[in-house]
Amino acid sequence: MNEDEMTRAVERALARHEARRADAQARQLLGCLLLLAVFVVGFVLLVTYG
């Protein structure tokens, strides 16, 4: 394996890692938004009918 092949392999590995990290962050953001939406709906129902 020469230097160019090693460079390409490292770049591919870094790209895969970055893609996985971005996917995990997107899932975490969606989960937090869902939790926030549940709390907002609960608060609105509490204020409206409480």
N, C-alpha and C. Protein backbone atom coordinates (compact mmCIF):
# COMPACT_ATOMS: atom_id res chain seq x y z
N MET A 1 0.86 -1.17 0.00
CA MET A 1 0.00 0.00 0.00
C MET A 1 0.91 1.23 0.00
N ASN A 2 0.72 2.06 -1.01
CA ASN A 2 1.56 3.25 -1.10
C ASN A 2 0.89 4.43 -0.38
N GLU A 3 1.57 5.55 -0.40
CA GLU A 3 1.09 6.72 0.36
C GLU A 3 -0.25 7.23 -0.16
N ASP A 4 -0.44 7.23 -1.48
CA ASP A 4 -1.71 7.72 -2.04
C ASP A 4 -2.88 6.83 -1.62
N GLU A 5 -2.67 5.52 -1.64
CA GLU A 5 -3.74 4.60 -1.23
C GLU A 5 -4.06 4.79 0.25
N MET A 6 -3.03 4.99 1.05
CA MET A 6 -3.27 5.21 2.48
C MET A 6 -4.03 6.51 2.71
N THR A 7 -3.68 7.54 1.97
CA THR A 7 -4.36 8.82 2.10
C THR A 7 -5.84 8.68 1.73
N ARG A 8 -6.10 7.97 0.62
CA ARG A 8 -7.49 7.77 0.21
C ARG A 8 -8.26 6.94 1.23
N ALA A 9 -7.62 5.92 1.80
CA ALA A 9 -8.28 5.08 2.80
C ALA A 9 -8.63 5.90 4.05
N VAL A 10 -7.71 6.75 4.48
CA VAL A 10 -7.97 7.58 5.64
C VAL A 10 -9.09 8.57 5.34
N GLU A 11 -9.07 9.16 4.16
CA GLU A 11 -10.13 10.10 3.78
C GLU A 11 -11.49 9.42 3.75
N ARG A 12 -11.54 8.20 3.23
CA ARG A 12 -12.82 7.46 3.20
C ARG A 12 -13.29 7.15 4.61
N ALA A 13 -12.37 6.73 5.47
CA ALA A 13 -12.74 6.41 6.85
C ALA A 13 -13.24 7.66 7.58
N LEU A 14 -12.57 8.78 7.37
CA LEU A 14 -13.02 10.02 8.00
C LEU A 14 -14.38 10.45 7.48
N ALA A 15 -14.61 10.28 6.19
CA ALA A 15 -15.91 10.64 5.61
C ALA A 15 -17.01 9.76 6.19
N ARG A 16 -16.75 8.45 6.34
CA ARG A 16 -17.75 7.56 6.93
C ARG A 16 -18.03 7.95 8.38
N HIS A 17 -16.97 8.24 9.11
CA HIS A 17 -17.14 8.64 10.51
C HIS A 17 -17.96 9.92 10.62
N GLU A 18 -17.66 10.88 9.78
CA GLU A 18 -18.39 12.16 9.80
C GLU A 18 -19.86 11.96 9.43
N ALA A 19 -20.13 11.08 8.48
CA ALA A 19 -21.51 10.80 8.08
C ALA A 19 -22.27 10.15 9.23
N ARG A 20 -21.64 9.20 9.92
CA ARG A 20 -22.30 8.56 11.07
C ARG A 20 -22.57 9.56 12.18
N ARG A 21 -21.59 10.44 12.43
CA ARG A 21 -21.76 11.45 13.48
C ARG A 21 -22.89 12.40 13.13
N ALA A 22 -22.97 12.81 11.87
CA ALA A 22 -24.04 13.70 11.44
C ALA A 22 -25.41 13.02 11.57
N ASP A 23 -25.48 11.74 11.22
CA ASP A 23 -26.74 11.01 11.37
C ASP A 23 -27.15 10.92 12.84
N ALA A 24 -26.19 10.65 13.70
CA ALA A 24 -26.50 10.56 15.13
C ALA A 24 -26.97 11.91 15.67
N GLN A 25 -26.34 12.98 15.24
CA GLN A 25 -26.76 14.31 15.68
C GLN A 25 -28.16 14.63 15.18
N ALA A 26 -28.47 14.24 13.95
CA ALA A 26 -29.80 14.50 13.40
C ALA A 26 -30.86 13.73 14.18
N ARG A 27 -30.57 12.47 14.53
CA ARG A 27 -31.53 11.69 15.32
C ARG A 27 -31.71 12.30 16.71
N GLN A 28 -30.62 12.76 17.30
CA GLN A 28 -30.72 13.37 18.62
C GLN A 28 -31.55 14.65 18.56
N LEU A 29 -31.34 15.45 17.53
CA LEU A 29 -32.10 16.69 17.37
C LEU A 29 -33.59 16.39 17.20
N LEU A 30 -33.92 15.41 16.37
CA LEU A 30 -35.32 15.05 16.18
C LEU A 30 -35.95 14.53 17.47
N GLY A 31 -35.19 13.75 18.23
CA GLY A 31 -35.71 13.27 19.50
C GLY A 31 -35.98 14.40 20.47
N CYS A 32 -35.07 15.35 20.53
CA CYS A 32 -35.27 16.51 21.42
C CYS A 32 -36.46 17.35 20.98
N LEU A 33 -36.61 17.53 19.68
CA LEU A 33 -37.76 18.29 19.18
C LEU A 33 -39.08 17.58 19.49
N LEU A 34 -39.07 16.26 19.38
CA LEU A 34 -40.27 15.50 19.71
C LEU A 34 -40.60 15.64 21.20
N LEU A 35 -39.59 15.54 22.04
CA LEU A 35 -39.81 15.71 23.48
C LEU A 35 -40.32 17.11 23.79
N LEU A 36 -39.75 18.11 23.15
CA LEU A 36 -40.20 19.49 23.36
C LEU A 36 -41.65 19.65 22.91
N ALA A 37 -42.01 19.05 21.78
CA ALA A 37 -43.38 19.14 21.29
C ALA A 37 -44.35 18.50 22.28
N VAL A 38 -43.96 17.37 22.87
CA VAL A 38 -44.83 16.71 23.85
C VAL A 38 -45.03 17.62 25.06
N PHE A 39 -43.96 18.23 25.54
CA PHE A 39 -44.10 19.14 26.69
C PHE A 39 -44.94 20.36 26.36
N VAL A 40 -44.78 20.90 25.16
CA VAL A 40 -45.57 22.07 24.77
C VAL A 40 -47.05 21.71 24.69
N VAL A 41 -47.36 20.59 24.09
CA VAL A 41 -48.75 20.17 24.00
C VAL A 41 -49.32 19.92 25.40
N GLY A 42 -48.55 19.27 26.25
CA GLY A 42 -49.00 19.05 27.61
C GLY A 42 -49.22 20.35 28.36
N PHE A 43 -48.34 21.31 28.18
CA PHE A 43 -48.50 22.60 28.84
C PHE A 43 -49.73 23.32 28.33
N VAL A 44 -49.95 23.31 27.03
CA VAL A 44 -51.13 23.97 26.47
C VAL A 44 -52.39 23.32 27.00
N LEU A 45 -52.42 22.00 27.06
CA LEU A 45 -53.60 21.30 27.59
C LEU A 45 -53.78 21.62 29.07
N LEU A 46 -52.70 21.70 29.83
CA LEU A 46 -52.79 22.02 31.24
C LEU A 46 -53.33 23.44 31.44
N VAL A 47 -52.84 24.38 30.65
CA VAL A 47 -53.30 25.77 30.80
C VAL A 47 -54.74 25.90 30.32
N THR A 48 -55.08 25.21 29.25
CA THR A 48 -56.42 25.33 28.68
C THR A 48 -57.48 24.67 29.56
N TYR A 49 -57.22 23.45 30.00
CA TYR A 49 -58.25 22.69 30.73
C TYR A 49 -57.93 22.53 32.22
N GLY A 50 -56.79 23.01 32.66
CA GLY A 50 -56.38 22.81 34.05
C GLY A 50 -57.01 23.81 34.91
